């Protein structure tokens, strides 16, 4: 039987393309799985109806800003209802490869009002317990994309990524949600070690909040996170 966390734990991994989000998210999920913790891994845009339309636009040509925002919100609404909320209700650790900060950063780079995007999403969808922002220079991210055999799409153009990165960094100082900037240009061993440290700390804090109501459960699970 997998060990749950009362109330669940929502972790969002954010950053520009090539920062290593998918690898970090998978590494955290694997760490949880190896320790018998109830965990789910997902990403945005999803492979659901609206997410597929967004993925198609990345290859065939970008939609208008209004269309993109509408599709991202529709995709997130379905994602939250069918995956995120059910997982959290079961006490799972839900790890997301991109969430609403990416919408604010990438659509903000096109001219969307970043503050309005953040306010709408935080008032409509589950807020993360912790956001891991993987930060690195745009040229490093683009080089990684090319090294893995991919060609940057319209979402990954240099000027747009510079703007997106700037927005991500501004969000770290203004966000109401706990966030942690991680230097993703460092060797992978250092990046993964820091991400795991921050993740474990966030899990400990969530467990301590529920310790009075779920003492037997949290005391066992706390040991998993080194508390």
C-alpha atoms as a PDB file:
ATOM      1  CA  UNK A   1       0.000   0.000   0.000  1.00  0.00           C
ATOM      2  CA  UNK A   2       1.341   3.421  -0.979  1.00  0.00           C
ATOM      3  CA  UNK A   3       1.837   5.985   1.794  1.00  0.00           C
ATOM      4  CA  UNK A   4      -0.288   9.140   1.334  1.00  0.00           C
ATOM      5  CA  UNK A   5       0.250  12.669   2.630  1.00  0.00           C
ATOM      6  CA  UNK A   6      -2.891  14.132   4.258  1.00  0.00           C
ATOM      7  CA  UNK A   7      -4.242  16.801   1.900  1.00  0.00           C
ATOM      8  CA  UNK A   8      -1.738  15.815  -0.758  1.00  0.00           C
ATOM      9  CA  UNK A   9       1.270  17.808  -1.929  1.00  0.00           C
ATOM     10  CA  UNK A  10       1.264  19.786  -5.171  1.00  0.00           C
ATOM     11  CA  UNK A  11       4.693  20.454  -6.698  1.00  0.00           C
ATOM     12  CA  UNK A  12       5.086  22.525  -9.877  1.00  0.00           C
ATOM     13  CA  UNK A  13       8.345  22.434 -11.829  1.00  0.00           C
ATOM     14  CA  UNK A  14       8.707  25.565 -13.967  1.00  0.00           C
ATOM     15  CA  UNK A  15      11.248  27.234 -16.236  1.00  0.00           C
ATOM     16  CA  UNK A  16      12.074  27.972 -19.853  1.00  0.00           C
ATOM     17  CA  UNK A  17      12.545  25.261 -22.453  1.00  0.00           C
ATOM     18  CA  UNK A  18      15.710  23.242 -22.021  1.00  0.00           C
ATOM     19  CA  UNK A  19      15.953  23.879 -18.273  1.00  0.00           C
ATOM     20  CA  UNK A  20      15.422  20.221 -17.373  1.00  0.00           C
ATOM     21  CA  UNK A  21      11.864  20.327 -16.026  1.00  0.00           C
ATOM     22  CA  UNK A  22      10.813  16.935 -17.377  1.00  0.00           C
ATOM     23  CA  UNK A  23      13.926  15.244 -15.985  1.00  0.00           C
ATOM     24  CA  UNK A  24      13.515  16.845 -12.554  1.00  0.00           C
ATOM     25  CA  UNK A  25       9.818  15.963 -12.365  1.00  0.00           C
ATOM     26  CA  UNK A  26      10.530  12.344 -13.321  1.00  0.00           C
ATOM     27  CA  UNK A  27      13.398  12.125 -10.811  1.00  0.00           C
ATOM     28  CA  UNK A  28      11.207  13.360  -7.940  1.00  0.00           C
ATOM     29  CA  UNK A  29       8.440  10.945  -8.918  1.00  0.00           C
ATOM     30  CA  UNK A  30      10.923   8.064  -9.033  1.00  0.00           C
ATOM     31  CA  UNK A  31      12.288   9.014  -5.591  1.00  0.00           C
ATOM     32  CA  UNK A  32       8.747   8.900  -4.193  1.00  0.00           C
ATOM     33  CA  UNK A  33       7.930   5.618  -5.891  1.00  0.00           C
ATOM     34  CA  UNK A  34      11.057   3.913  -4.572  1.00  0.00           C
ATOM     35  CA  UNK A  35       9.976   4.816  -1.028  1.00  0.00           C
ATOM     36  CA  UNK A  36       6.395   3.673  -1.373  1.00  0.00           C
ATOM     37  CA  UNK A  37       4.916   7.167  -1.345  1.00  0.00           C
ATOM     38  CA  UNK A  38       1.639   7.767  -3.162  1.00  0.00           C
ATOM     39  CA  UNK A  39       2.673   9.896  -6.130  1.00  0.00           C
ATOM     40  CA  UNK A  40       1.365  11.048  -9.511  1.00  0.00           C
ATOM     41  CA  UNK A  41       3.247  12.724 -12.363  1.00  0.00           C
ATOM     42  CA  UNK A  42       1.647  14.925 -15.003  1.00  0.00           C
ATOM     43  CA  UNK A  43       2.443  17.817 -17.329  1.00  0.00           C
ATOM     44  CA  UNK A  44       0.927  20.750 -19.174  1.00  0.00           C
ATOM     45  CA  UNK A  45      -0.194  21.169 -21.845  1.00  0.00           C
ATOM     46  CA  UNK A  46      -1.809  17.778 -21.300  1.00  0.00           C
ATOM     47  CA  UNK A  47      -2.588  15.123 -23.893  1.00  0.00           C
ATOM     48  CA  UNK A  48      -6.280  15.828 -23.366  1.00  0.00           C
ATOM     49  CA  UNK A  49      -8.571  17.533 -25.873  1.00  0.00           C
ATOM     50  CA  UNK A  50      -7.468  21.142 -25.383  1.00  0.00           C
ATOM     51  CA  UNK A  51      -3.851  20.319 -24.649  1.00  0.00           C
ATOM     52  CA  UNK A  52      -3.529  18.501 -27.961  1.00  0.00           C
ATOM     53  CA  UNK A  53      -4.675  21.610 -29.802  1.00  0.00           C
ATOM     54  CA  UNK A  54      -1.967  23.627 -28.052  1.00  0.00           C
ATOM     55  CA  UNK A  55       0.693  21.063 -28.923  1.00  0.00           C
ATOM     56  CA  UNK A  56      -0.414  21.075 -32.545  1.00  0.00           C
ATOM     57  CA  UNK A  57      -0.121  24.865 -32.654  1.00  0.00           C
ATOM     58  CA  UNK A  58       3.512  24.666 -31.508  1.00  0.00           C
ATOM     59  CA  UNK A  59       4.318  22.756 -34.701  1.00  0.00           C
ATOM     60  CA  UNK A  60       1.944  24.353 -37.189  1.00  0.00           C
ATOM     61  CA  UNK A  61       1.973  28.009 -36.089  1.00  0.00           C
ATOM     62  CA  UNK A  62       0.945  29.884 -32.979  1.00  0.00           C
ATOM     63  CA  UNK A  63      -2.627  30.862 -32.311  1.00  0.00           C
ATOM     64  CA  UNK A  64      -3.617  34.365 -31.275  1.00  0.00           C
ATOM     65  CA  UNK A  65      -2.886  35.376 -27.696  1.00  0.00           C
ATOM     66  CA  UNK A  66      -6.580  35.218 -26.787  1.00  0.00           C
ATOM     67  CA  UNK A  67      -6.916  31.748 -28.310  1.00  0.00           C
ATOM     68  CA  UNK A  68      -3.845  30.476 -26.488  1.00  0.00           C
ATOM     69  CA  UNK A  69      -5.004  31.755 -23.114  1.00  0.00           C
ATOM     70  CA  UNK A  70      -8.447  30.264 -23.658  1.00  0.00           C
ATOM     71  CA  UNK A  71      -7.041  26.845 -24.559  1.00  0.00           C
ATOM     72  CA  UNK A  72      -4.586  26.831 -21.654  1.00  0.00           C
ATOM     73  CA  UNK A  73      -7.371  27.601 -19.206  1.00  0.00           C
ATOM     74  CA  UNK A  74      -9.700  24.996 -20.726  1.00  0.00           C
ATOM     75  CA  UNK A  75      -6.908  22.428 -20.626  1.00  0.00           C
ATOM     76  CA  UNK A  76      -6.096  23.277 -17.010  1.00  0.00           C
ATOM     77  CA  UNK A  77      -9.748  23.117 -16.002  1.00  0.00           C
ATOM     78  CA  UNK A  78     -10.014  19.579 -17.364  1.00  0.00           C
ATOM     79  CA  UNK A  79      -6.627  18.637 -15.934  1.00  0.00           C
ATOM     80  CA  UNK A  80      -7.540  19.900 -12.462  1.00  0.00           C
ATOM     81  CA  UNK A  81     -10.903  18.139 -12.460  1.00  0.00           C
ATOM     82  CA  UNK A  82      -9.719  14.795 -13.813  1.00  0.00           C
ATOM     83  CA  UNK A  83      -6.196  14.482 -12.408  1.00  0.00           C
ATOM     84  CA  UNK A  84      -4.916  17.123  -9.989  1.00  0.00           C
ATOM     85  CA  UNK A  85      -7.806  17.408  -7.537  1.00  0.00           C
ATOM     86  CA  UNK A  86      -8.543  13.640  -7.370  1.00  0.00           C
ATOM     87  CA  UNK A  87      -4.853  12.931  -6.706  1.00  0.00           C
ATOM     88  CA  UNK A  88      -4.655  15.517  -3.922  1.00  0.00           C
ATOM     89  CA  UNK A  89      -7.902  14.251  -2.400  1.00  0.00           C
ATOM     90  CA  UNK A  90      -6.314  10.795  -2.167  1.00  0.00           C
ATOM     91  CA  UNK A  91      -3.278  12.259  -0.422  1.00  0.00           C
ATOM     92  CA  UNK A  92      -0.937  11.863  -3.369  1.00  0.00           C
ATOM     93  CA  UNK A  93       2.162  13.879  -4.147  1.00  0.00           C
ATOM     94  CA  UNK A  94       1.241  15.433  -7.494  1.00  0.00           C
ATOM     95  CA  UNK A  95       4.257  16.571  -9.491  1.00  0.00           C
ATOM     96  CA  UNK A  96       3.604  18.829 -12.479  1.00  0.00           C
ATOM     97  CA  UNK A  97       5.948  19.485 -15.373  1.00  0.00           C
ATOM     98  CA  UNK A  98       4.741  23.077 -16.022  1.00  0.00           C
ATOM     99  CA  UNK A  99       1.696  24.761 -14.500  1.00  0.00           C
ATOM    100  CA  UNK A 100       0.194  28.251 -14.549  1.00  0.00           C
ATOM    101  CA  UNK A 101       3.485  30.123 -14.124  1.00  0.00           C
ATOM    102  CA  UNK A 102       4.352  28.944 -17.620  1.00  0.00           C
ATOM    103  CA  UNK A 103       1.109  30.414 -18.933  1.00  0.00           C
ATOM    104  CA  UNK A 104       1.912  33.727 -17.266  1.00  0.00           C
ATOM    105  CA  UNK A 105       5.497  33.729 -18.572  1.00  0.00           C
ATOM    106  CA  UNK A 106       4.983  32.590 -22.150  1.00  0.00           C
ATOM    107  CA  UNK A 107       1.714  34.389 -22.816  1.00  0.00           C
ATOM    108  CA  UNK A 108       3.024  37.356 -20.847  1.00  0.00           C
ATOM    109  CA  UNK A 109       5.920  37.491 -23.293  1.00  0.00           C
ATOM    110  CA  UNK A 110       3.309  37.986 -26.013  1.00  0.00           C
ATOM    111  CA  UNK A 111       1.632  40.817 -24.163  1.00  0.00           C
ATOM    112  CA  UNK A 112      -0.797  39.203 -21.744  1.00  0.00           C
ATOM    113  CA  UNK A 113      -1.251  40.910 -18.365  1.00  0.00           C
ATOM    114  CA  UNK A 114       0.868  38.686 -16.113  1.00  0.00           C
ATOM    115  CA  UNK A 115      -0.798  39.803 -12.896  1.00  0.00           C
ATOM    116  CA  UNK A 116      -4.260  39.050 -14.270  1.00  0.00           C
ATOM    117  CA  UNK A 117      -3.182  35.605 -15.474  1.00  0.00           C
ATOM    118  CA  UNK A 118      -1.737  34.750 -12.061  1.00  0.00           C
ATOM    119  CA  UNK A 119      -4.751  36.064 -10.157  1.00  0.00           C
ATOM    120  CA  UNK A 120      -7.187  34.153 -12.347  1.00  0.00           C
ATOM    121  CA  UNK A 121      -5.321  30.871 -12.029  1.00  0.00           C
ATOM    122  CA  UNK A 122      -4.688  31.143  -8.297  1.00  0.00           C
ATOM    123  CA  UNK A 123      -8.363  31.852  -7.657  1.00  0.00           C
ATOM    124  CA  UNK A 124      -9.576  29.071  -9.962  1.00  0.00           C
ATOM    125  CA  UNK A 125      -7.183  26.140  -9.705  1.00  0.00           C
ATOM    126  CA  UNK A 126      -5.269  24.376  -6.893  1.00  0.00           C
ATOM    127  CA  UNK A 127      -2.228  26.352  -5.775  1.00  0.00           C
ATOM    128  CA  UNK A 128       1.102  24.527  -5.534  1.00  0.00           C
ATOM    129  CA  UNK A 129       2.638  23.880  -2.134  1.00  0.00           C
ATOM    130  CA  UNK A 130       6.011  24.616  -3.726  1.00  0.00           C
ATOM    131  CA  UNK A 131       7.238  25.828  -7.117  1.00  0.00           C
ATOM    132  CA  UNK A 132      10.677  24.800  -8.328  1.00  0.00           C
ATOM    133  CA  UNK A 133      11.889  27.345 -10.877  1.00  0.00           C
ATOM    134  CA  UNK A 134      14.721  25.914 -12.936  1.00  0.00           C
ATOM    135  CA  UNK A 135      16.585  28.948 -14.238  1.00  0.00           C
ATOM    136  CA  UNK A 136      19.347  29.165 -16.820  1.00  0.00           C
ATOM    137  CA  UNK A 137      20.438  31.471 -19.677  1.00  0.00           C
ATOM    138  CA  UNK A 138      18.325  31.152 -22.814  1.00  0.00           C
ATOM    139  CA  UNK A 139      21.252  30.184 -25.048  1.00  0.00           C
ATOM    140  CA  UNK A 140      22.059  27.248 -22.748  1.00  0.00           C
ATOM    141  CA  UNK A 141      18.489  26.010 -22.915  1.00  0.00           C
ATOM    142  CA  UNK A 142      18.391  26.304 -26.690  1.00  0.00           C
ATOM    143  CA  UNK A 143      21.669  24.428 -27.036  1.00  0.00           C
ATOM    144  CA  UNK A 144      20.253  21.610 -24.918  1.00  0.00           C
ATOM    145  CA  UNK A 145      17.186  21.467 -27.156  1.00  0.00           C
ATOM    146  CA  UNK A 146      19.413  21.104 -30.230  1.00  0.00           C
ATOM    147  CA  UNK A 147      21.644  18.526 -28.528  1.00  0.00           C
ATOM    148  CA  UNK A 148      18.680  16.262 -27.879  1.00  0.00           C
ATOM    149  CA  UNK A 149      17.871  16.387 -31.582  1.00  0.00           C
ATOM    150  CA  UNK A 150      14.954  18.816 -31.484  1.00  0.00           C
ATOM    151  CA  UNK A 151      14.457  22.050 -33.371  1.00  0.00           C
ATOM    152  CA  UNK A 152      13.185  25.022 -31.320  1.00  0.00           C
ATOM    153  CA  UNK A 153       9.534  25.785 -32.177  1.00  0.00           C
ATOM    154  CA  UNK A 154       7.729  29.117 -32.099  1.00  0.00           C
ATOM    155  CA  UNK A 155       7.365  28.917 -28.320  1.00  0.00           C
ATOM    156  CA  UNK A 156      11.136  28.544 -28.029  1.00  0.00           C
ATOM    157  CA  UNK A 157      12.460  31.498 -30.038  1.00  0.00           C
ATOM    158  CA  UNK A 158      15.266  33.442 -28.366  1.00  0.00           C
ATOM    159  CA  UNK A 159      13.565  36.806 -27.858  1.00  0.00           C
ATOM    160  CA  UNK A 160      10.375  35.219 -26.560  1.00  0.00           C
ATOM    161  CA  UNK A 161      12.341  33.034 -24.149  1.00  0.00           C
ATOM    162  CA  UNK A 162      14.290  36.043 -22.856  1.00  0.00           C
ATOM    163  CA  UNK A 163      10.993  37.735 -22.012  1.00  0.00           C
ATOM    164  CA  UNK A 164       9.578  34.566 -20.491  1.00  0.00           C
ATOM    165  CA  UNK A 165      12.654  34.055 -18.343  1.00  0.00           C
ATOM    166  CA  UNK A 166      12.436  37.643 -17.108  1.00  0.00           C
ATOM    167  CA  UNK A 167       8.807  37.102 -16.097  1.00  0.00           C
ATOM    168  CA  UNK A 168       9.641  33.848 -14.304  1.00  0.00           C
ATOM    169  CA  UNK A 169      12.303  35.636 -12.260  1.00  0.00           C
ATOM    170  CA  UNK A 170       9.945  38.491 -11.368  1.00  0.00           C
ATOM    171  CA  UNK A 171       7.347  35.968 -10.200  1.00  0.00           C
ATOM    172  CA  UNK A 172       9.783  34.503  -7.679  1.00  0.00           C
ATOM    173  CA  UNK A 173       9.852  37.814  -5.806  1.00  0.00           C
ATOM    174  CA  UNK A 174       6.134  38.594  -6.029  1.00  0.00           C
ATOM    175  CA  UNK A 175       4.471  35.196  -5.705  1.00  0.00           C
ATOM    176  CA  UNK A 176       2.225  34.321  -2.764  1.00  0.00           C
ATOM    177  CA  UNK A 177       3.145  30.676  -3.339  1.00  0.00           C
ATOM    178  CA  UNK A 178       6.386  29.321  -1.893  1.00  0.00           C
ATOM    179  CA  UNK A 179       8.942  29.140  -4.665  1.00  0.00           C
ATOM    180  CA  UNK A 180      12.597  28.333  -5.002  1.00  0.00           C
ATOM    181  CA  UNK A 181      14.915  29.372  -7.830  1.00  0.00           C
ATOM    182  CA  UNK A 182      17.425  26.706  -8.794  1.00  0.00           C
ATOM    183  CA  UNK A 183      20.447  27.311 -11.021  1.00  0.00           C
ATOM    184  CA  UNK A 184      19.741  24.788 -13.767  1.00  0.00           C
ATOM    185  CA  UNK A 185      23.015  25.549 -15.550  1.00  0.00           C
ATOM    186  CA  UNK A 186      24.898  23.625 -12.848  1.00  0.00           C
ATOM    187  CA  UNK A 187      25.856  19.956 -13.282  1.00  0.00           C
ATOM    188  CA  UNK A 188      22.850  17.643 -13.139  1.00  0.00           C
ATOM    189  CA  UNK A 189      23.986  16.077  -9.871  1.00  0.00           C
ATOM    190  CA  UNK A 190      23.894  19.471  -8.132  1.00  0.00           C
ATOM    191  CA  UNK A 191      20.549  20.438  -9.672  1.00  0.00           C
ATOM    192  CA  UNK A 192      18.848  17.193  -8.677  1.00  0.00           C
ATOM    193  CA  UNK A 193      20.299  17.341  -5.160  1.00  0.00           C
ATOM    194  CA  UNK A 194      18.966  20.871  -4.602  1.00  0.00           C
ATOM    195  CA  UNK A 195      15.555  20.055  -6.065  1.00  0.00           C
ATOM    196  CA  UNK A 196      15.251  17.030  -3.801  1.00  0.00           C
ATOM    197  CA  UNK A 197      16.279  19.078  -0.762  1.00  0.00           C
ATOM    198  CA  UNK A 198      13.619  21.732  -1.428  1.00  0.00           C
ATOM    199  CA  UNK A 199      11.015  19.082  -2.217  1.00  0.00           C
ATOM    200  CA  UNK A 200      11.674  17.184   1.018  1.00  0.00           C
ATOM    201  CA  UNK A 201      11.506  20.403   3.017  1.00  0.00           C
ATOM    202  CA  UNK A 202       8.120  21.280   1.491  1.00  0.00           C
ATOM    203  CA  UNK A 203       6.807  17.796   2.258  1.00  0.00           C
ATOM    204  CA  UNK A 204       7.980  18.051   5.878  1.00  0.00           C
ATOM    205  CA  UNK A 205       6.217  21.378   6.326  1.00  0.00           C
ATOM    206  CA  UNK A 206       2.982  19.988   4.902  1.00  0.00           C
ATOM    207  CA  UNK A 207       3.173  16.963   7.169  1.00  0.00           C
ATOM    208  CA  UNK A 208       3.815  19.044  10.287  1.00  0.00           C
ATOM    209  CA  UNK A 209       0.686  21.071   9.526  1.00  0.00           C
ATOM    210  CA  UNK A 210      -1.426  17.928   9.652  1.00  0.00           C
ATOM    211  CA  UNK A 211       0.464  16.143  12.441  1.00  0.00           C
ATOM    212  CA  UNK A 212      -2.190  16.748  15.117  1.00  0.00           C
ATOM    213  CA  UNK A 213      -4.980  15.236  13.040  1.00  0.00           C
ATOM    214  CA  UNK A 214      -2.993  12.375  11.549  1.00  0.00           C
ATOM    215  CA  UNK A 215      -0.237  11.688  14.087  1.00  0.00           C
ATOM    216  CA  UNK A 216       0.325   7.947  13.393  1.00  0.00           C
ATOM    217  CA  UNK A 217       0.401   8.447   9.638  1.00  0.00           C
ATOM    218  CA  UNK A 218       2.596  11.530   9.527  1.00  0.00           C
ATOM    219  CA  UNK A 219       5.110  10.223  12.041  1.00  0.00           C
ATOM    220  CA  UNK A 220       5.815   7.256   9.768  1.00  0.00           C
ATOM    221  CA  UNK A 221       5.892   9.294   6.603  1.00  0.00           C
ATOM    222  CA  UNK A 222       8.046  12.033   8.131  1.00  0.00           C
ATOM    223  CA  UNK A 223      10.861   9.525   8.412  1.00  0.00           C
ATOM    224  CA  UNK A 224      10.793   9.207   4.632  1.00  0.00           C
ATOM    225  CA  UNK A 225      11.752  12.857   4.347  1.00  0.00           C
ATOM    226  CA  UNK A 226      14.507  12.793   6.939  1.00  0.00           C
ATOM    227  CA  UNK A 227      12.522  14.492   9.753  1.00  0.00           C
END
